[in-house]
PDB file of N, CA and C in Angstrom:
ATOM      1  N   MET A   1      -9.826   2.769  -2.977  1.00  0.00           N
ATOM      2  CA  MET A   1      -9.021   1.277  -2.836  1.00  0.00           C
ATOM      3  C   MET A   1      -9.846   0.919  -1.337  1.00  0.00           C
ATOM      4  N   ARG A   2     -10.192  -0.868  -1.648  1.00  0.00           N
ATOM      5  CA  ARG A   2     -10.681  -1.195  -0.433  1.00  0.00           C
ATOM      6  C   ARG A   2      -8.920  -2.106  -0.172  1.00  0.00           C
ATOM      7  N   TYR A   3      -9.207  -1.928   1.376  1.00  0.00           N
ATOM      8  CA  TYR A   3      -8.035  -2.271   2.258  1.00  0.00           C
ATOM      9  C   TYR A   3      -8.135  -3.201   2.926  1.00  0.00           C
ATOM     10  N   LYS A   4      -7.478  -4.484   3.366  1.00  0.00           N
ATOM     11  CA  LYS A   4      -7.623  -5.095   4.476  1.00  0.00           C
ATOM     12  C   LYS A   4      -6.422  -5.196   5.478  1.00  0.00           C
ATOM     13  N   GLY A   5      -6.721  -5.560   6.726  1.00  0.00           N
ATOM     14  CA  GLY A   5      -5.709  -5.765   7.382  1.00  0.00           C
ATOM     15  C   GLY A   5      -4.858  -4.523   7.781  1.00  0.00           C
ATOM     16  N   VAL A   6      -3.600  -4.691   7.767  1.00  0.00           N
ATOM     17  CA  VAL A   6      -2.818  -3.566   8.018  1.00  0.00           C
ATOM     18  C   VAL A   6      -2.395  -2.317   7.358  1.00  0.00           C
ATOM     19  N   GLU A   7      -3.237  -2.261   6.022  1.00  0.00           N
ATOM     20  CA  GLU A   7      -3.151  -1.724   5.335  1.00  0.00           C
ATOM     21  C   GLU A   7      -4.291  -0.905   5.585  1.00  0.00           C
ATOM     22  N   ARG A   8      -5.574  -1.650   5.768  1.00  0.00           N
ATOM     23  CA  ARG A   8      -6.991  -0.400   6.164  1.00  0.00           C
ATOM     24  C   ARG A   8      -6.353   0.049   7.226  1.00  0.00           C
ATOM     25  N   LEU A   9      -5.058  -0.953   8.635  1.00  0.00           N
ATOM     26  CA  LEU A   9      -5.317   0.363   9.408  1.00  0.00           C
ATOM     27  C   LEU A   9      -4.251   1.620   9.236  1.00  0.00           C
ATOM     28  N   ILE A  10      -3.306   1.701   8.167  1.00  0.00           N
ATOM     29  CA  ILE A  10      -2.777   2.655   7.889  1.00  0.00           C
ATOM     30  C   ILE A  10      -3.915   3.595   7.941  1.00  0.00           C
ATOM     31  N   GLN A  11      -4.559   2.953   6.245  1.00  0.00           N
ATOM     32  CA  GLN A  11      -5.229   3.981   5.281  1.00  0.00           C
ATOM     33  C   GLN A  11      -6.090   4.557   6.576  1.00  0.00           C
ATOM     34  N   LEU A  12      -6.893   3.913   7.438  1.00  0.00           N
ATOM     35  CA  LEU A  12      -7.969   4.866   8.646  1.00  0.00           C
ATOM     36  C   LEU A  12      -6.800   5.452   9.471  1.00  0.00           C
ATOM     37  N   ASN A  13      -5.244   5.430   9.817  1.00  0.00           N
ATOM     38  CA  ASN A  13      -4.872   6.301  10.633  1.00  0.00           C
ATOM     39  C   ASN A  13      -4.088   7.860   9.822  1.00  0.00           C
ATOM     40  N   VAL A  14      -4.016   7.354   8.515  1.00  0.00           N
ATOM     41  CA  VAL A  14      -4.040   9.010   7.221  1.00  0.00           C
ATOM     42  C   VAL A  14      -5.424   9.509   7.393  1.00  0.00           C
ATOM     43  N   ILE A  15      -6.706   9.126   7.269  1.00  0.00           N
ATOM     44  CA  ILE A  15      -7.810   9.788   7.153  1.00  0.00           C
ATOM     45  C   ILE A  15      -7.653  10.317   8.713  1.00  0.00           C
ATOM     46  N   GLY A  16      -7.701   9.747   9.608  1.00  0.00           N
ATOM     47  CA  GLY A  16      -7.478  10.598  11.108  1.00  0.00           C
ATOM     48  C   GLY A  16      -6.788  11.795  10.820  1.00  0.00           C
ATOM     49  N   LEU A  17      -5.435  11.557  10.415  1.00  0.00           N
ATOM     50  CA  LEU A  17      -4.101  12.615  10.755  1.00  0.00           C
ATOM     51  C   LEU A  17      -4.804  13.727   9.786  1.00  0.00           C
ATOM     52  N   MET A  18      -5.919  13.932   8.595  1.00  0.00           N
ATOM     53  CA  MET A  18      -6.214  14.131   7.013  1.00  0.00           C
ATOM     54  C   MET A  18      -7.095  14.883   7.764  1.00  0.00           C
ATOM     55  N   TRP A  19      -8.250  14.727   8.792  1.00  0.00           N
ATOM     56  CA  TRP A  19      -9.247  15.430   9.634  1.00  0.00           C
ATOM     57  C   TRP A  19      -8.872  16.605  10.423  1.00  0.00           C
ATOM     58  N   THR A  20      -7.331  15.726  10.736  1.00  0.00           N
ATOM     59  CA  THR A  20      -7.005  16.702  12.681  1.00  0.00           C
ATOM     60  C   THR A  20      -6.345  17.576  11.620  1.00  0.00           C
ATOM     61  N   PHE A  21      -5.651  17.322  10.730  1.00  0.00           N
ATOM     62  CA  PHE A  21      -4.884  18.816  10.344  1.00  0.00           C
ATOM     63  C   PHE A  21      -5.827  19.368   9.775  1.00  0.00           C
ATOM     64  N   ILE A  22      -7.084  19.386   8.977  1.00  0.00           N
ATOM     65  CA  ILE A  22      -8.232  20.296   8.326  1.00  0.00           C
ATOM     66  C   ILE A  22      -8.939  20.905   9.147  1.00  0.00           C
ATOM     67  N   VAL A  23      -9.665  20.472  10.618  1.00  0.00           N
ATOM     68  CA  VAL A  23      -9.993  20.805  11.935  1.00  0.00           C
ATOM     69  C   VAL A  23      -9.139  22.008  12.458  1.00  0.00           C
ATOM     70  N   VAL A  24      -7.906  21.566  12.856  1.00  0.00           N
ATOM     71  CA  VAL A  24      -6.839  22.241  13.407  1.00  0.00           C
ATOM     72  C   VAL A  24      -6.205  23.708  12.722  1.00  0.00           C
ATOM     73  N   GLY A  25      -5.789  23.082  11.045  1.00  0.00           N
ATOM     74  CA  GLY A  25      -6.154  24.670   9.949  1.00  0.00           C
ATOM     75  C   GLY A  25      -6.653  25.322  10.367  1.00  0.00           C
ATOM     76  N   ALA A  26      -8.769  24.840  10.124  1.00  0.00           N
ATOM     77  CA  ALA A  26      -9.314  25.618  10.265  1.00  0.00           C
ATOM     78  C   ALA A  26      -9.523  26.335  11.474  1.00  0.00           C
ATOM     79  N   LEU A  27      -9.118  25.886  12.917  1.00  0.00           N
ATOM     80  CA  LEU A  27      -9.168  26.473  13.960  1.00  0.00           C
ATOM     81  C   LEU A  27      -8.426  27.753  14.030  1.00  0.00           C
ATOM     82  N   PHE A  28      -7.291  27.215  13.304  1.00  0.00           N
ATOM     83  CA  PHE A  28      -6.343  28.699  13.287  1.00  0.00           C
ATOM     84  C   PHE A  28      -6.781  29.696  12.470  1.00  0.00           C
ATOM     85  N   PHE A  29      -7.506  29.385  11.462  1.00  0.00           N
ATOM     86  CA  PHE A  29      -7.409  30.202  10.735  1.00  0.00           C
ATOM     87  C   PHE A  29      -8.774  30.751  11.171  1.00  0.00           C
ATOM     88  N   LEU A  30      -9.527  30.507  11.336  1.00  0.00           N
ATOM     89  CA  LEU A  30     -11.183  31.022  11.514  1.00  0.00           C
ATOM     90  C   LEU A  30     -10.841  31.961  13.380  1.00  0.00           C
ATOM     91  N   ILE A  31     -10.525  31.327  14.329  1.00  0.00           N
ATOM     92  CA  ILE A  31     -10.155  31.785  15.847  1.00  0.00           C
ATOM     93  C   ILE A  31      -9.064  31.620  15.950  1.00  0.00           C
ATOM     94  N   PRO A  32      -8.405  32.668  15.476  1.00  0.00           N
ATOM     95  CA  PRO A  32      -6.411  32.174  16.174  1.00  0.00           C
ATOM     96  C   PRO A  32      -6.262  32.977  17.280  1.00  0.00           C
ATOM     97  N   ASP A  33      -6.937  34.113  18.087  1.00  0.00           N
ATOM     98  CA  ASP A  33      -6.867  34.370  19.224  1.00  0.00           C
ATOM     99  C   ASP A  33      -7.423  33.882  20.276  1.00  0.00           C
ATOM    100  N   SER A  34      -8.855  32.657  20.087  1.00  0.00           N
ATOM    101  CA  SER A  34      -8.883  31.895  20.562  1.00  0.00           C
ATOM    102  C   SER A  34      -8.412  30.296  21.101  1.00  0.00           C
ATOM    103  N   VAL A  35      -7.881  30.375  19.892  1.00  0.00           N
ATOM    104  CA  VAL A  35      -6.506  28.650  20.097  1.00  0.00           C
ATOM    105  C   VAL A  35      -5.311  29.555  20.870  1.00  0.00           C
ATOM    106  N   VAL A  36      -4.890  30.692  20.769  1.00  0.00           N
ATOM    107  CA  VAL A  36      -3.555  30.617  22.001  1.00  0.00           C
ATOM    108  C   VAL A  36      -4.397  31.052  23.007  1.00  0.00           C
ATOM    109  N   ALA A  37      -5.317  31.881  23.336  1.00  0.00           N
ATOM    110  CA  ALA A  37      -5.863  31.741  24.213  1.00  0.00           C
ATOM    111  C   ALA A  37      -6.281  30.151  25.298  1.00  0.00           C
ATOM    112  N   PHE A  38      -6.586  29.114  24.267  1.00  0.00           N
ATOM    113  CA  PHE A  38      -7.052  27.757  25.003  1.00  0.00           C
ATOM    114  C   PHE A  38      -5.217  27.380  25.612  1.00  0.00           C
ATOM    115  N   THR A  39      -4.520  27.607  24.480  1.00  0.00           N
ATOM    116  CA  THR A  39      -3.125  26.995  24.643  1.00  0.00           C
ATOM    117  C   THR A  39      -2.558  27.793  25.664  1.00  0.00           C
ATOM    118  N   ASN A  40      -2.696  28.720  26.140  1.00  0.00           N
ATOM    119  CA  ASN A  40      -2.318  29.340  27.458  1.00  0.00           C
ATOM    120  C   ASN A  40      -2.721  29.301  28.714  1.00  0.00           C
ATOM    121  N   ALA A  41      -4.323  28.929  28.281  1.00  0.00           N
ATOM    122  CA  ALA A  41      -5.192  28.332  29.760  1.00  0.00           C
ATOM    123  C   ALA A  41      -4.376  26.708  29.936  1.00  0.00           C
ATOM    124  N   VAL A  42      -4.040  26.037  28.976  1.00  0.00           N
ATOM    125  CA  VAL A  42      -3.681  24.791  29.063  1.00  0.00           C
ATOM    126  C   VAL A  42      -2.206  24.968  29.645  1.00  0.00           C
ATOM    127  N   GLY A  43      -1.456  25.882  29.298  1.00  0.00           N
ATOM    128  CA  GLY A  43      -0.151  26.382  29.939  1.00  0.00           C
ATOM    129  C   GLY A  43      -0.270  26.397  31.618  1.00  0.00           C
ATOM    130  N   ARG A  44      -1.194  27.054  31.650  1.00  0.00           N
ATOM    131  CA  ARG A  44      -0.961  27.295  33.069  1.00  0.00           C
ATOM    132  C   ARG A  44      -1.662  26.619  34.078  1.00  0.00           C
ATOM    133  N   MET A  45      -2.478  25.365  32.855  1.00  0.00           N
ATOM    134  CA  MET A  45      -2.568  24.461  34.339  1.00  0.00           C
ATOM    135  C   MET A  45      -1.512  23.452  34.859  1.00  0.00           C
ATOM    136  N   LEU A  46      -0.924  23.093  33.324  1.00  0.00           N
ATOM    137  CA  LEU A  46       0.351  22.184  33.171  1.00  0.00           C
ATOM    138  C   LEU A  46       1.880  23.005  33.826  1.00  0.00           C
ATOM    139  N   GLY A  47       1.663  24.129  34.067  1.00  0.00           N
ATOM    140  CA  GLY A  47       2.921  24.809  35.225  1.00  0.00           C
ATOM    141  C   GLY A  47       2.937  26.422  34.448  1.00  0.00           C
ATOM    142  N   ASP A  48       4.078  26.914  34.960  1.00  0.00           N
ATOM    143  CA  ASP A  48       4.151  28.545  35.095  1.00  0.00           C
ATOM    144  C   ASP A  48       5.325  28.500  33.214  1.00  0.00           C
ATOM    145  N   PHE A  49       4.297  28.421  32.080  1.00  0.00           N
ATOM    146  CA  PHE A  49       4.678  28.842  31.295  1.00  0.00           C
ATOM    147  C   PHE A  49       4.767  29.985  30.453  1.00  0.00           C
ATOM    148  N   SER A  50       5.489  30.571  29.484  1.00  0.00           N
ATOM    149  CA  SER A  50       5.509  31.880  28.638  1.00  0.00           C
ATOM    150  C   SER A  50       4.212  32.250  28.203  1.00  0.00           C
ATOM    151  N   GLU A  51       3.034  32.890  28.651  1.00  0.00           N
ATOM    152  CA  GLU A  51       1.907  32.941  27.136  1.00  0.00           C
ATOM    153  C   GLU A  51       1.826  33.398  25.817  1.00  0.00           C
ATOM    154  N   GLY A  52       1.366  32.524  25.165  1.00  0.00           N
ATOM    155  CA  GLY A  52       1.414  33.072  23.926  1.00  0.00           C
ATOM    156  C   GLY A  52       1.229  34.484  23.753  1.00  0.00           C
ATOM    157  N   PRO A  53       1.702  35.226  22.847  1.00  0.00           N
ATOM    158  CA  PRO A  53       1.167  36.576  22.671  1.00  0.00           C
ATOM    159  C   PRO A  53       0.098  36.254  21.303  1.00  0.00           C
ATOM    160  N   VAL A  54      -1.011  36.953  21.829  1.00  0.00           N
ATOM    161  CA  VAL A  54      -2.181  37.813  21.070  1.00  0.00           C
ATOM    162  C   VAL A  54      -2.055  38.988  20.459  1.00  0.00           C
ATOM    163  N   THR A  55      -1.987  38.679  18.710  1.00  0.00           N
ATOM    164  CA  THR A  55      -1.191  39.666  17.976  1.00  0.00           C
ATOM    165  C   THR A  55      -1.822  39.701  16.702  1.00  0.00           C
ATOM    166  N   GLY A  56      -1.959  41.146  15.973  1.00  0.00           N
ATOM    167  CA  GLY A  56      -2.433  41.334  14.835  1.00  0.00           C
ATOM    168  C   GLY A  56      -1.929  40.860  13.762  1.00  0.00           C
ATOM    169  N   PHE A  57      -0.886  40.312  13.940  1.00  0.00           N
ATOM    170  CA  PHE A  57       0.147  40.151  12.978  1.00  0.00           C
ATOM    171  C   PHE A  57      -0.288  38.500  12.396  1.00  0.00           C
ATOM    172  N   ARG A  58      -0.577  38.724  10.879  1.00  0.00           N
ATOM    173  CA  ARG A  58      -1.185  37.639  10.580  1.00  0.00           C
ATOM    174  C   ARG A  58      -0.133  36.915   9.550  1.00  0.00           C
ATOM    175  N   LEU A  59       0.847  36.462   9.729  1.00  0.00           N
ATOM    176  CA  LEU A  59       2.033  35.954   8.411  1.00  0.00           C
ATOM    177  C   LEU A  59       1.547  34.947   8.867  1.00  0.00           C
ATOM    178  N   TRP A  60       2.120  34.757  10.237  1.00  0.00           N
ATOM    179  CA  TRP A  60       2.112  33.146  11.019  1.00  0.00           C
ATOM    180  C   TRP A  60       0.467  32.445  10.685  1.00  0.00           C
ATOM    181  N   LEU A  61      -0.458  33.127  11.110  1.00  0.00           N
ATOM    182  CA  LEU A  61      -1.757  32.624  10.371  1.00  0.00           C
ATOM    183  C   LEU A  61      -1.647  32.548   9.412  1.00  0.00           C
ATOM    184  N   SER A  62      -1.060  33.295   8.204  1.00  0.00           N
ATOM    185  CA  SER A  62      -0.983  32.596   6.581  1.00  0.00           C
ATOM    186  C   SER A  62      -0.298  31.176   6.491  1.00  0.00           C
ATOM    187  N   LEU A  63       1.086  31.576   6.970  1.00  0.00           N
ATOM    188  CA  LEU A  63       1.424  30.436   7.088  1.00  0.00           C
ATOM    189  C   LEU A  63       1.251  29.055   7.729  1.00  0.00           C
ATOM    190  N   GLY A  64       0.519  28.993   8.976  1.00  0.00           N
ATOM    191  CA  GLY A  64       0.492  27.617   9.479  1.00  0.00           C
ATOM    192  C   GLY A  64      -1.096  27.324   8.598  1.00  0.00           C
ATOM    193  N   THR A  65      -1.698  28.218   8.175  1.00  0.00           N
ATOM    194  CA  THR A  65      -2.979  27.563   7.373  1.00  0.00           C
ATOM    195  C   THR A  65      -2.576  26.833   5.979  1.00  0.00           C
ATOM    196  N   SER A  66      -1.795  27.684   5.189  1.00  0.00           N
ATOM    197  CA  SER A  66      -1.165  26.935   4.356  1.00  0.00           C
ATOM    198  C   SER A  66      -0.055  25.774   4.436  1.00  0.00           C
ATOM    199  N   TYR A  67       0.125  25.308   5.343  1.00  0.00           N
ATOM    200  CA  TYR A  67       0.789  24.477   5.866  1.00  0.00           C
ATOM    201  C   TYR A  67      -0.525  23.521   5.986  1.00  0.00           C
ATOM    202  N   MET A  68      -1.293  23.281   6.972  1.00  0.00           N
ATOM    203  CA  MET A  68      -2.628  22.549   7.398  1.00  0.00           C
ATOM    204  C   MET A  68      -2.632  22.234   5.881  1.00  0.00           C
ATOM    205  N   VAL A  69      -3.277  22.989   5.378  1.00  0.00           N
ATOM    206  CA  VAL A  69      -3.700  23.072   3.654  1.00  0.00           C
ATOM    207  C   VAL A  69      -2.523  21.600   3.063  1.00  0.00           C
ATOM    208  N   LEU A  70      -1.788  21.840   2.931  1.00  0.00           N
ATOM    209  CA  LEU A  70      -0.708  21.289   2.566  1.00  0.00           C
ATOM    210  C   LEU A  70      -0.410  19.859   2.818  1.00  0.00           C
ATOM    211  N   VAL A  71      -0.200  19.447   4.566  1.00  0.00           N
ATOM    212  CA  VAL A  71      -0.208  18.340   4.755  1.00  0.00           C
ATOM    213  C   VAL A  71      -2.283  17.698   4.592  1.00  0.00           C
ATOM    214  N   SER A  72      -2.588  18.351   4.658  1.00  0.00           N
ATOM    215  CA  SER A  72      -4.295  17.377   4.580  1.00  0.00           C
ATOM    216  C   SER A  72      -4.251  16.951   2.852  1.00  0.00           C
ATOM    217  N   ALA A  73      -4.057  17.989   2.311  1.00  0.00           N
ATOM    218  CA  ALA A  73      -3.943  17.400   0.851  1.00  0.00           C
ATOM    219  C   ALA A  73      -3.255  15.980   0.906  1.00  0.00           C
ATOM    220  N   LEU A  74      -1.282  16.258   1.286  1.00  0.00           N
ATOM    221  CA  LEU A  74      -0.977  15.333   1.115  1.00  0.00           C
ATOM    222  C   LEU A  74      -1.428  13.545   1.581  1.00  0.00           C
ATOM    223  N   ALA A  75      -2.112  13.914   2.644  1.00  0.00           N
ATOM    224  CA  ALA A  75      -2.814  13.001   3.558  1.00  0.00           C
ATOM    225  C   ALA A  75      -3.809  12.267   2.155  1.00  0.00           C
ATOM    226  N   TYR A  76      -4.893  13.227   2.401  1.00  0.00           N
ATOM    227  CA  TYR A  76      -5.601  13.076   0.493  1.00  0.00           C
ATOM    228  C   TYR A  76      -5.329  11.968   0.469  1.00  0.00           C
ATOM    229  N   LEU A  77      -4.345  12.197  -0.755  1.00  0.00           N
ATOM    230  CA  LEU A  77      -3.438  11.723  -1.851  1.00  0.00           C
ATOM    231  C   LEU A  77      -3.116  10.667  -1.736  1.00  0.00           C
ATOM    232  N   ILE A  78      -2.564  10.415  -0.264  1.00  0.00           N
ATOM    233  CA  ILE A  78      -1.892   9.038   0.077  1.00  0.00           C
ATOM    234  C   ILE A  78      -2.929   7.736   0.847  1.00  0.00           C
ATOM    235  N   GLN A  79      -3.959   7.988   1.457  1.00  0.00           N
ATOM    236  CA  GLN A  79      -5.069   7.393   1.803  1.00  0.00           C
ATOM    237  C   GLN A  79      -5.915   6.769   0.230  1.00  0.00           C
ATOM    238  N   LYS A  80      -5.975   7.727  -0.785  1.00  0.00           N
ATOM    239  CA  LYS A  80      -6.663   7.364  -2.183  1.00  0.00           C
ATOM    240  C   LYS A  80      -5.683   6.206  -2.571  1.00  0.00           C
ATOM    241  N   ASP A  81      -4.870   5.777  -2.496  1.00  0.00           N
ATOM    242  CA  ASP A  81      -4.037   4.928  -3.100  1.00  0.00           C
ATOM    243  C   ASP A  81      -2.633   4.869  -2.031  1.00  0.00           C
ATOM    244  N   LEU A  82      -2.772   3.898  -1.580  1.00  0.00           N
ATOM    245  CA  LEU A  82      -1.656   3.982  -0.338  1.00  0.00           C
ATOM    246  C   LEU A  82      -0.158   2.980  -1.516  1.00  0.00           C
ATOM    247  N   HIS A  83      -0.114   2.425  -2.341  1.00  0.00           N
ATOM    248  CA  HIS A  83       0.871   1.923  -2.562  1.00  0.00           C
ATOM    249  C   HIS A  83       1.378   3.100  -3.818  1.00  0.00           C
ATOM    250  N   GLY A  84       0.183   3.452  -4.453  1.00  0.00           N
ATOM    251  CA  GLY A  84       0.953   4.390  -5.618  1.00  0.00           C
ATOM    252  C   GLY A  84       1.428   5.528  -5.135  1.00  0.00           C
ATOM    253  N   ASN A  85       0.769   6.182  -3.964  1.00  0.00           N
ATOM    254  CA  ASN A  85       1.901   7.423  -3.352  1.00  0.00           C
ATOM    255  C   ASN A  85       2.116   7.456  -1.956  1.00  0.00           C
ATOM    256  N   ARG A  86       3.166   6.160  -2.010  1.00  0.00           N
ATOM    257  CA  ARG A  86       3.363   5.481  -1.202  1.00  0.00           C
ATOM    258  C   ARG A  86       4.836   6.385  -0.344  1.00  0.00           C
ATOM    259  N   ARG A  87       5.481   7.572  -1.716  1.00  0.00           N
ATOM    260  CA  ARG A  87       6.527   8.021  -1.255  1.00  0.00           C
ATOM    261  C   ARG A  87       5.987   9.379  -0.737  1.00  0.00           C
ATOM    262  N   LEU A  88       4.386   9.942  -0.932  1.00  0.00           N
ATOM    263  CA  LEU A  88       4.150  11.085  -0.353  1.00  0.00           C
ATOM    264  C   LEU A  88       4.051  10.577   0.920  1.00  0.00           C
ATOM    265  N   ILE A  89       4.516   9.374   1.810  1.00  0.00           N
ATOM    266  CA  ILE A  89       4.548   9.172   3.006  1.00  0.00           C
ATOM    267  C   ILE A  89       5.909   9.766   3.557  1.00  0.00           C
ATOM    268  N   LEU A  90       6.734   9.716   2.900  1.00  0.00           N
ATOM    269  CA  LEU A  90       7.852  10.302   3.120  1.00  0.00           C
ATOM    270  C   LEU A  90       7.863  11.845   2.958  1.00  0.00           C
ATOM    271  N   VAL A  91       7.220  12.620   2.231  1.00  0.00           N
ATOM    272  CA  VAL A  91       7.331  13.676   2.439  1.00  0.00           C
ATOM    273  C   VAL A  91       6.551  14.483   3.503  1.00  0.00           C
ATOM    274  N   LEU A  92       5.082  13.559   3.904  1.00  0.00           N
ATOM    275  CA  LEU A  92       4.106  13.890   4.816  1.00  0.00           C
ATOM    276  C   LEU A  92       4.895  13.689   5.863  1.00  0.00           C
ATOM    277  N   ALA A  93       5.534  12.644   6.334  1.00  0.00           N
ATOM    278  CA  ALA A  93       6.429  12.791   7.509  1.00  0.00           C
ATOM    279  C   ALA A  93       7.887  13.792   7.915  1.00  0.00           C
ATOM    280  N   ALA A  94       8.104  14.062   6.239  1.00  0.00           N
ATOM    281  CA  ALA A  94       9.384  14.896   6.735  1.00  0.00           C
ATOM    282  C   ALA A  94       9.076  16.227   6.849  1.00  0.00           C
ATOM    283  N   GLY A  95       7.886  16.849   6.517  1.00  0.00           N
ATOM    284  CA  GLY A  95       7.299  18.192   6.692  1.00  0.00           C
ATOM    285  C   GLY A  95       6.775  17.831   8.584  1.00  0.00           C
ATOM    286  N   LYS A  96       5.848  17.027   8.552  1.00  0.00           N
ATOM    287  CA  LYS A  96       5.425  16.942   9.884  1.00  0.00           C
ATOM    288  C   LYS A  96       6.879  16.593  11.104  1.00  0.00           C
ATOM    289  N   GLY A  97       7.661  15.908  11.083  1.00  0.00           N
ATOM    290  CA  GLY A  97       8.882  15.966  11.457  1.00  0.00           C
ATOM    291  C   GLY A  97       9.677  17.181  11.479  1.00  0.00           C
ATOM    292  N   ALA A  98       9.820  17.996  10.559  1.00  0.00           N
ATOM    293  CA  ALA A  98      10.098  19.254  10.708  1.00  0.00           C
ATOM    294  C   ALA A  98       9.636  20.740  11.408  1.00  0.00           C
ATOM    295  N   SER A  99       8.082  20.401  11.422  1.00  0.00           N
ATOM    296  CA  SER A  99       7.826  21.449  12.285  1.00  0.00           C
ATOM    297  C   SER A  99       7.493  20.628  13.498  1.00  0.00           C
ATOM    298  N   SER A 100       7.549  19.570  13.690  1.00  0.00           N
ATOM    299  CA  SER A 100       7.649  18.975  15.440  1.00  0.00           C
ATOM    300  C   SER A 100       8.990  19.425  16.206  1.00  0.00           C
ATOM    301  N   ARG A 101      10.066  19.085  15.364  1.00  0.00           N
ATOM    302  CA  ARG A 101      11.253  18.963  15.811  1.00  0.00           C
ATOM    303  C   ARG A 101      11.605  20.828  16.343  1.00  0.00           C
ATOM    304  N   THR A 102      10.674  21.924  14.967  1.00  0.00           N
ATOM    305  CA  THR A 102      11.547  23.197  15.330  1.00  0.00           C
ATOM    306  C   THR A 102      10.759  23.853  15.997  1.00  0.00           C
ATOM    307  N   SER A 103       9.348  23.136  16.257  1.00  0.00           N
ATOM    308  CA  SER A 103       8.605  23.583  18.091  1.00  0.00           C
ATOM    309  C   SER A 103       9.273  23.362  18.914  1.00  0.00           C
ATOM    310  N   LEU A 104       9.923  22.151  18.920  1.00  0.00           N
ATOM    311  CA  LEU A 104      10.261  21.716  20.516  1.00  0.00           C
ATOM    312  C   LEU A 104      11.432  22.385  20.797  1.00  0.00           C
ATOM    313  N   PHE A 105      12.045  22.911  19.192  1.00  0.00           N
ATOM    314  CA  PHE A 105      13.893  23.675  19.348  1.00  0.00           C
ATOM    315  C   PHE A 105      13.033  24.353  19.692  1.00  0.00           C
ATOM    316  N   PHE A 106      12.429  25.392  19.873  1.00  0.00           N
ATOM    317  CA  PHE A 106      12.172  26.954  20.137  1.00  0.00           C
ATOM    318  C   PHE A 106      11.260  26.805  21.494  1.00  0.00           C
ATOM    319  N   TYR A 107      10.429  25.944  21.666  1.00  0.00           N
ATOM    320  CA  TYR A 107      10.211  26.007  23.518  1.00  0.00           C
ATOM    321  C   TYR A 107      10.885  25.411  24.330  1.00  0.00           C
ATOM    322  N   ILE A 108      11.840  24.883  23.882  1.00  0.00           N
ATOM    323  CA  ILE A 108      13.296  24.307  24.643  1.00  0.00           C
ATOM    324  C   ILE A 108      13.864  25.130  24.902  1.00  0.00           C
ATOM    325  N   PHE A 109      14.656  26.378  24.254  1.00  0.00           N
ATOM    326  CA  PHE A 109      15.160  27.167  24.205  1.00  0.00           C
ATOM    327  C   PHE A 109      14.755  28.759  23.933  1.00  0.00           C
ATOM    328  N   SER A 110      13.660  29.000  24.438  1.00  0.00           N
ATOM    329  CA  SER A 110      12.665  29.816  24.403  1.00  0.00           C
ATOM    330  C   SER A 110      13.356  30.457  25.493  1.00  0.00           C
ATOM    331  N   LEU A 111      13.189  32.011  26.101  1.00  0.00           N
ATOM    332  CA  LEU A 111      13.475  32.838  26.844  1.00  0.00           C
ATOM    333  C   LEU A 111      13.113  31.988  28.594  1.00  0.00           C
ATOM    334  N   ASP A 112      12.062  31.927  28.438  1.00  0.00           N
ATOM    335  CA  ASP A 112      11.444  31.745  29.834  1.00  0.00           C
ATOM    336  C   ASP A 112      10.831  30.181  30.140  1.00  0.00           C
ATOM    337  N   ALA A 113      10.853  29.403  29.393  1.00  0.00           N
ATOM    338  CA  ALA A 113      10.090  28.442  28.861  1.00  0.00           C
ATOM    339  C   ALA A 113      10.006  27.346  29.808  1.00  0.00           C
ATOM    340  N   PHE A 114      11.199  27.272  30.712  1.00  0.00           N
ATOM    341  CA  PHE A 114      11.893  26.465  31.580  1.00  0.00           C
ATOM    342  C   PHE A 114      12.168  27.075  33.004  1.00  0.00           C
ATOM    343  N   GLU A 115      12.181  28.686  32.792  1.00  0.00           N
ATOM    344  CA  GLU A 115      12.269  29.181  34.046  1.00  0.00           C
ATOM    345  C   GLU A 115      11.846  29.680  35.285  1.00  0.00           C
ATOM    346  N   SER A 116      10.292  28.298  35.324  1.00  0.00           N
ATOM    347  CA  SER A 116       9.642  28.886  36.227  1.00  0.00           C
ATOM    348  C   SER A 116      10.142  29.027  37.810  1.00  0.00           C
ATOM    349  N   GLY A 117       9.888  30.149  38.519  1.00  0.00           N
ATOM    350  CA  GLY A 117       9.957  30.397  39.641  1.00  0.00           C
ATOM    351  C   GLY A 117      11.458  31.093  39.664  1.00  0.00           C
ATOM    352  N   ARG A 118      12.205  31.502  38.778  1.00  0.00           N
ATOM    353  CA  ARG A 118      13.046  32.281  38.723  1.00  0.00           C
ATOM    354  C   ARG A 118      12.513  33.784  38.475  1.00  0.00           C
ATOM    355  N   ALA A 119      13.166  35.014  38.475  1.00  0.00           N
ATOM    356  CA  ALA A 119      12.962  36.115  38.135  1.00  0.00           C
ATOM    357  C   ALA A 119      13.488  36.137  36.516  1.00  0.00           C
ATOM    358  N   HIS A 120      11.904  37.080  35.703  1.00  0.00           N
ATOM    359  CA  HIS A 120      12.187  37.151  34.016  1.00  0.00           C
ATOM    360  C   HIS A 120      12.629  38.543  34.049  1.00  0.00           C
ATOM    361  N   VAL A 121      13.188  38.440  32.724  1.00  0.00           N
ATOM    362  CA  VAL A 121      14.398  39.629  32.693  1.00  0.00           C
ATOM    363  C   VAL A 121      13.622  41.041  31.624  1.00  0.00           C
TER     364      VAL A 121
END
């Protein structure tokens, strides 16, 4: 569909989200340890944060990749027909909101995420 004005801006935003979800999902699937190493490096630049573990366990990898496939598919469907699939926007927002909120919760309340300068037990 051809949209104009605000609808076109919404469509472009959803397309951008879709490609971001695809790229991030692919990176987590293809090079998970490198993603963790990059995140650790950024954390070191920003402060004294716990390092993410590089592990052989891949259950989290399967769940994360599956989630990124799901949100990419939702974004694809939304951008194809904004009016017909407008209810999917709420599903996408609920999923991404839950993901962000739980990540923030675990980050804030993790063992030593904000304990820079203190002795670790």
